[in-house]
Amino acid sequence: MAARVRLVLDEAAMHRLISSTETARLLAQKATTIAASARGSAPKNRRGSWNMYALSLSVTAYEVEGIVHSAVQADRHALLIEYGWRDKSGRRHPGSHTLKDALMKERES
């Protein structure tokens, strides 16, 4: 026989949980792990210029209406590599989807 369980979520307790400093620390840690994974599997730039994919990723923590968020942000250059682009002749260069792969890998673990 299946057990009967009743789950009651208290809105005030939920708000305290999602706005706590511990939640902010855990979210920042998870975002840092995702960024590190994306940097590790990112395409390498042989010239070592400033716009390398790995250097174009940043981790940001912020708060909106008391709720803590954490994000991995990519600059324009990294987004072109992520989603692909067309060169001047119109030829399509497919994206590498490195950041998406890092997100999916973290989601599965």
N, C-alpha and C. Protein backbone atom coordinates (compact mmCIF):
# COMPACT_ATOMS: atom_id res chain seq x y z
N MET A 1 0.83 -1.18 0.00
CA MET A 1 0.00 0.00 0.00
C MET A 1 0.88 1.24 0.00
N ALA A 2 0.53 2.20 -0.83
CA ALA A 2 1.30 3.43 -0.94
C ALA A 2 1.10 4.29 0.29
N ALA A 3 2.16 4.92 0.70
CA ALA A 3 2.08 5.82 1.85
C ALA A 3 1.41 7.12 1.44
N ARG A 4 0.61 7.64 2.32
CA ARG A 4 -0.04 8.93 2.06
C ARG A 4 0.80 10.02 2.71
N VAL A 5 1.19 10.95 1.90
CA VAL A 5 2.02 12.04 2.37
C VAL A 5 1.37 13.35 1.99
N ARG A 6 1.37 14.26 2.92
CA ARG A 6 0.86 15.60 2.64
C ARG A 6 1.99 16.58 2.84
N LEU A 7 2.32 17.31 1.80
CA LEU A 7 3.39 18.29 1.83
C LEU A 7 2.79 19.68 1.84
N VAL A 8 3.12 20.44 2.86
CA VAL A 8 2.61 21.81 2.98
C VAL A 8 3.80 22.75 2.90
N LEU A 9 3.78 23.65 1.92
CA LEU A 9 4.85 24.62 1.75
C LEU A 9 4.43 25.95 2.34
N ASP A 10 5.18 26.40 3.31
CA ASP A 10 4.92 27.68 3.94
C ASP A 10 5.58 28.76 3.10
N GLU A 11 4.82 29.74 2.65
CA GLU A 11 5.35 30.77 1.76
C GLU A 11 6.45 31.59 2.43
N ALA A 12 6.30 31.90 3.69
CA ALA A 12 7.33 32.68 4.40
C ALA A 12 8.63 31.89 4.52
N ALA A 13 8.52 30.60 4.83
CA ALA A 13 9.71 29.76 4.94
C ALA A 13 10.39 29.62 3.58
N MET A 14 9.60 29.47 2.51
CA MET A 14 10.15 29.38 1.16
C MET A 14 10.91 30.66 0.81
N HIS A 15 10.35 31.80 1.15
CA HIS A 15 11.00 33.08 0.85
C HIS A 15 12.30 33.21 1.62
N ARG A 16 12.31 32.78 2.88
CA ARG A 16 13.56 32.83 3.67
C ARG A 16 14.61 31.92 3.04
N LEU A 17 14.18 30.78 2.53
CA LEU A 17 15.11 29.83 1.92
C LEU A 17 15.72 30.39 0.65
N ILE A 18 14.91 30.94 -0.24
CA ILE A 18 15.43 31.41 -1.52
C ILE A 18 16.15 32.75 -1.44
N SER A 19 16.06 33.41 -0.29
CA SER A 19 16.76 34.69 -0.14
C SER A 19 17.91 34.61 0.85
N SER A 20 18.26 33.42 1.32
CA SER A 20 19.31 33.28 2.32
C SER A 20 20.70 33.38 1.69
N THR A 21 21.68 33.69 2.52
CA THR A 21 23.07 33.79 2.06
C THR A 21 23.61 32.41 1.70
N GLU A 22 23.13 31.38 2.37
CA GLU A 22 23.57 30.01 2.05
C GLU A 22 23.11 29.62 0.65
N THR A 23 21.89 30.00 0.29
CA THR A 23 21.39 29.73 -1.07
C THR A 23 22.23 30.49 -2.09
N ALA A 24 22.57 31.74 -1.78
CA ALA A 24 23.41 32.53 -2.68
C ALA A 24 24.77 31.87 -2.88
N ARG A 25 25.34 31.35 -1.81
CA ARG A 25 26.65 30.68 -1.90
C ARG A 25 26.55 29.41 -2.74
N LEU A 26 25.50 28.62 -2.52
CA LEU A 26 25.33 27.39 -3.29
C LEU A 26 25.09 27.67 -4.77
N LEU A 27 24.30 28.69 -5.08
CA LEU A 27 24.05 29.05 -6.48
C LEU A 27 25.32 29.54 -7.16
N ALA A 28 26.10 30.35 -6.46
CA ALA A 28 27.36 30.84 -7.03
C ALA A 28 28.34 29.69 -7.26
N GLN A 29 28.35 28.73 -6.34
CA GLN A 29 29.22 27.57 -6.49
C GLN A 29 28.81 26.74 -7.70
N LYS A 30 27.51 26.54 -7.89
CA LYS A 30 27.01 25.76 -9.03
C LYS A 30 27.33 26.48 -10.34
N ALA A 31 27.14 27.81 -10.38
CA ALA A 31 27.44 28.58 -11.59
C ALA A 31 28.93 28.55 -11.90
N THR A 32 29.77 28.59 -10.87
CA THR A 32 31.22 28.52 -11.07
C THR A 32 31.61 27.16 -11.64
N THR A 33 30.96 26.09 -11.18
CA THR A 33 31.23 24.75 -11.70
C THR A 33 30.85 24.66 -13.18
N ILE A 34 29.72 25.24 -13.55
CA ILE A 34 29.27 25.22 -14.94
C ILE A 34 30.24 26.02 -15.81
N ALA A 35 30.66 27.19 -15.34
CA ALA A 35 31.60 28.02 -16.11
C ALA A 35 32.94 27.30 -16.27
N ALA A 36 33.41 26.63 -15.22
CA ALA A 36 34.69 25.90 -15.30
C ALA A 36 34.59 24.76 -16.30
N SER A 37 33.46 24.08 -16.32
CA SER A 37 33.26 22.99 -17.28
C SER A 37 33.24 23.52 -18.71
N ALA A 38 32.57 24.64 -18.92
CA ALA A 38 32.52 25.25 -20.26
C ALA A 38 33.89 25.74 -20.68
N ARG A 39 34.65 26.31 -19.74
CA ARG A 39 36.00 26.78 -20.07
C ARG A 39 36.91 25.62 -20.44
N GLY A 40 36.74 24.50 -19.76
CA GLY A 40 37.59 23.33 -20.03
C GLY A 40 37.36 22.72 -21.40
N SER A 41 36.12 22.75 -21.85
CA SER A 41 35.83 22.15 -23.16
C SER A 41 35.66 23.19 -24.26
N ALA A 42 36.01 24.42 -23.98
CA ALA A 42 35.87 25.50 -24.96
C ALA A 42 36.92 25.39 -26.06
N PRO A 43 36.58 25.90 -27.24
CA PRO A 43 37.58 25.92 -28.31
C PRO A 43 38.76 26.81 -27.92
N LYS A 44 39.94 26.36 -28.25
CA LYS A 44 41.15 27.10 -27.87
C LYS A 44 41.55 28.08 -28.96
N ASN A 45 42.08 29.22 -28.56
CA ASN A 45 42.57 30.22 -29.48
C ASN A 45 44.09 30.15 -29.47
N ARG A 46 44.69 29.85 -30.59
CA ARG A 46 46.14 29.66 -30.63
C ARG A 46 46.91 30.95 -30.42
N ARG A 47 46.31 32.06 -30.79
CA ARG A 47 47.00 33.33 -30.64
C ARG A 47 46.96 33.86 -29.21
N GLY A 48 46.03 33.37 -28.39
CA GLY A 48 45.95 33.81 -27.01
C GLY A 48 45.44 35.24 -26.86
N SER A 49 44.60 35.68 -27.79
CA SER A 49 44.12 37.05 -27.74
C SER A 49 43.08 37.23 -26.64
N TRP A 50 42.69 38.45 -26.38
CA TRP A 50 41.80 38.79 -25.28
C TRP A 50 40.39 38.23 -25.45
N ASN A 51 40.00 37.88 -26.64
CA ASN A 51 38.62 37.45 -26.86
C ASN A 51 38.46 35.93 -26.87
N MET A 52 39.31 35.24 -26.18
CA MET A 52 39.18 33.79 -26.08
C MET A 52 37.87 33.44 -25.40
N TYR A 53 37.28 32.35 -25.79
CA TYR A 53 36.00 31.91 -25.23
C TYR A 53 36.08 31.76 -23.72
N ALA A 54 37.14 31.16 -23.25
CA ALA A 54 37.28 30.92 -21.82
C ALA A 54 37.31 32.21 -21.01
N LEU A 55 37.91 33.24 -21.56
CA LEU A 55 37.98 34.53 -20.86
C LEU A 55 36.71 35.34 -21.00
N SER A 56 35.84 34.93 -21.91
CA SER A 56 34.62 35.68 -22.17
C SER A 56 33.45 35.26 -21.29
N LEU A 57 33.66 34.27 -20.44
CA LEU A 57 32.61 33.82 -19.53
C LEU A 57 32.81 34.44 -18.15
N SER A 58 31.71 34.87 -17.54
CA SER A 58 31.79 35.41 -16.19
C SER A 58 30.61 34.91 -15.37
N VAL A 59 30.82 34.78 -14.08
CA VAL A 59 29.78 34.34 -13.15
C VAL A 59 29.29 35.55 -12.39
N THR A 60 27.98 35.76 -12.38
CA THR A 60 27.38 36.91 -11.72
C THR A 60 26.31 36.43 -10.74
N ALA A 61 26.33 36.98 -9.54
CA ALA A 61 25.27 36.73 -8.57
C ALA A 61 24.54 38.04 -8.35
N TYR A 62 23.22 37.96 -8.31
CA TYR A 62 22.43 39.16 -8.11
C TYR A 62 21.13 38.82 -7.40
N GLU A 63 20.43 39.85 -6.97
CA GLU A 63 19.19 39.67 -6.22
C GLU A 63 18.09 40.48 -6.86
N VAL A 64 16.93 39.86 -7.07
CA VAL A 64 15.76 40.52 -7.63
C VAL A 64 14.59 40.30 -6.68
N GLU A 65 14.07 41.37 -6.16
CA GLU A 65 12.93 41.32 -5.23
C GLU A 65 13.18 40.34 -4.09
N GLY A 66 14.38 40.35 -3.56
CA GLY A 66 14.72 39.50 -2.44
C GLY A 66 15.08 38.07 -2.79
N ILE A 67 14.99 37.68 -4.05
CA ILE A 67 15.32 36.32 -4.48
C ILE A 67 16.71 36.33 -5.09
N VAL A 68 17.55 35.43 -4.63
CA VAL A 68 18.94 35.36 -5.07
C VAL A 68 19.02 34.57 -6.37
N HIS A 69 19.78 35.08 -7.33
CA HIS A 69 20.01 34.41 -8.62
C HIS A 69 21.51 34.35 -8.87
N SER A 70 21.93 33.41 -9.68
CA SER A 70 23.31 33.31 -10.11
C SER A 70 23.30 32.95 -11.60
N ALA A 71 24.19 33.56 -12.37
CA ALA A 71 24.17 33.36 -13.82
C ALA A 71 25.59 33.25 -14.36
N VAL A 72 25.72 32.45 -15.41
CA VAL A 72 26.95 32.41 -16.19
C VAL A 72 26.69 33.26 -17.42
N GLN A 73 27.43 34.34 -17.55
CA GLN A 73 27.21 35.26 -18.66
C GLN A 73 28.34 35.14 -19.67
N ALA A 74 27.97 35.26 -20.93
CA ALA A 74 28.94 35.17 -22.02
C ALA A 74 28.96 36.48 -22.78
N ASP A 75 30.15 36.93 -23.15
CA ASP A 75 30.29 38.13 -23.96
C ASP A 75 29.87 37.83 -25.40
N ARG A 76 29.87 38.85 -26.22
CA ARG A 76 29.44 38.72 -27.61
C ARG A 76 30.24 37.67 -28.37
N HIS A 77 31.54 37.68 -28.21
CA HIS A 77 32.40 36.74 -28.93
C HIS A 77 32.05 35.29 -28.56
N ALA A 78 31.85 35.04 -27.27
CA ALA A 78 31.51 33.70 -26.83
C ALA A 78 30.14 33.27 -27.36
N LEU A 79 29.22 34.20 -27.45
CA LEU A 79 27.90 33.87 -27.99
C LEU A 79 27.96 33.52 -29.47
N LEU A 80 28.83 34.19 -30.21
CA LEU A 80 29.00 33.83 -31.63
C LEU A 80 29.54 32.41 -31.76
N ILE A 81 30.48 32.05 -30.91
CA ILE A 81 31.03 30.70 -30.94
C ILE A 81 29.97 29.70 -30.48
N GLU A 82 29.18 30.09 -29.49
CA GLU A 82 28.14 29.20 -28.95
C GLU A 82 27.06 28.89 -29.98
N TYR A 83 26.53 29.92 -30.64
CA TYR A 83 25.38 29.75 -31.53
C TYR A 83 25.72 29.72 -33.02
N GLY A 84 26.93 30.09 -33.38
CA GLY A 84 27.32 30.10 -34.78
C GLY A 84 27.18 31.48 -35.40
N TRP A 85 27.69 31.63 -36.61
CA TRP A 85 27.66 32.91 -37.29
C TRP A 85 27.79 32.70 -38.80
N ARG A 86 27.58 33.77 -39.53
CA ARG A 86 27.82 33.78 -40.98
C ARG A 86 28.97 34.74 -41.26
N ASP A 87 29.90 34.30 -42.10
CA ASP A 87 31.00 35.20 -42.45
C ASP A 87 30.56 36.15 -43.56
N LYS A 88 31.48 36.99 -44.01
CA LYS A 88 31.14 38.01 -45.01
C LYS A 88 30.65 37.42 -46.33
N SER A 89 31.11 36.23 -46.65
CA SER A 89 30.68 35.60 -47.90
C SER A 89 29.33 34.89 -47.75
N GLY A 90 28.78 34.86 -46.53
CA GLY A 90 27.48 34.25 -46.30
C GLY A 90 27.53 32.79 -45.89
N ARG A 91 28.74 32.27 -45.74
CA ARG A 91 28.87 30.88 -45.34
C ARG A 91 28.55 30.72 -43.85
N ARG A 92 27.77 29.72 -43.53
CA ARG A 92 27.34 29.47 -42.15
C ARG A 92 28.38 28.66 -41.40
N HIS A 93 28.76 29.15 -40.21
CA HIS A 93 29.66 28.43 -39.31
C HIS A 93 28.82 27.95 -38.13
N PRO A 94 28.66 26.65 -37.95
CA PRO A 94 27.80 26.16 -36.87
C PRO A 94 28.39 26.46 -35.50
N GLY A 95 27.53 26.58 -34.52
CA GLY A 95 27.97 26.84 -33.16
C GLY A 95 28.53 25.59 -32.50
N SER A 96 29.34 25.80 -31.48
CA SER A 96 29.93 24.66 -30.76
C SER A 96 29.07 24.22 -29.59
N HIS A 97 28.16 25.06 -29.12
CA HIS A 97 27.24 24.75 -28.01
C HIS A 97 27.99 24.28 -26.77
N THR A 98 29.12 24.90 -26.49
CA THR A 98 29.95 24.52 -25.35
C THR A 98 29.26 24.82 -24.03
N LEU A 99 28.67 26.00 -23.90
CA LEU A 99 28.01 26.37 -22.65
C LEU A 99 26.76 25.51 -22.42
N LYS A 100 26.02 25.25 -23.48
CA LYS A 100 24.84 24.38 -23.36
C LYS A 100 25.25 22.98 -22.91
N ASP A 101 26.32 22.46 -23.49
CA ASP A 101 26.80 21.12 -23.10
C ASP A 101 27.21 21.09 -21.62
N ALA A 102 27.85 22.18 -21.14
CA ALA A 102 28.25 22.26 -19.74
C ALA A 102 27.02 22.31 -18.83
N LEU A 103 25.99 23.05 -19.25
CA LEU A 103 24.76 23.10 -18.47
C LEU A 103 24.08 21.73 -18.41
N MET A 104 24.02 21.04 -19.54
CA MET A 104 23.37 19.74 -19.58
C MET A 104 24.16 18.70 -18.77
N LYS A 105 25.49 18.79 -18.81
CA LYS A 105 26.32 17.86 -18.04
C LYS A 105 26.09 18.07 -16.54
N GLU A 106 25.98 19.33 -16.13
CA GLU A 106 25.74 19.63 -14.71
C GLU A 106 24.32 19.23 -14.30
N ARG A 107 23.40 19.36 -15.22
CA ARG A 107 22.02 18.96 -14.94
C ARG A 107 21.89 17.46 -14.70
N GLU A 108 22.66 16.68 -15.44
CA GLU A 108 22.61 15.22 -15.31
C GLU A 108 23.28 14.72 -14.05
N SER A 109 24.24 15.50 -13.51
CA SER A 109 24.96 15.01 -12.32
C SER A 109 24.22 15.27 -11.04
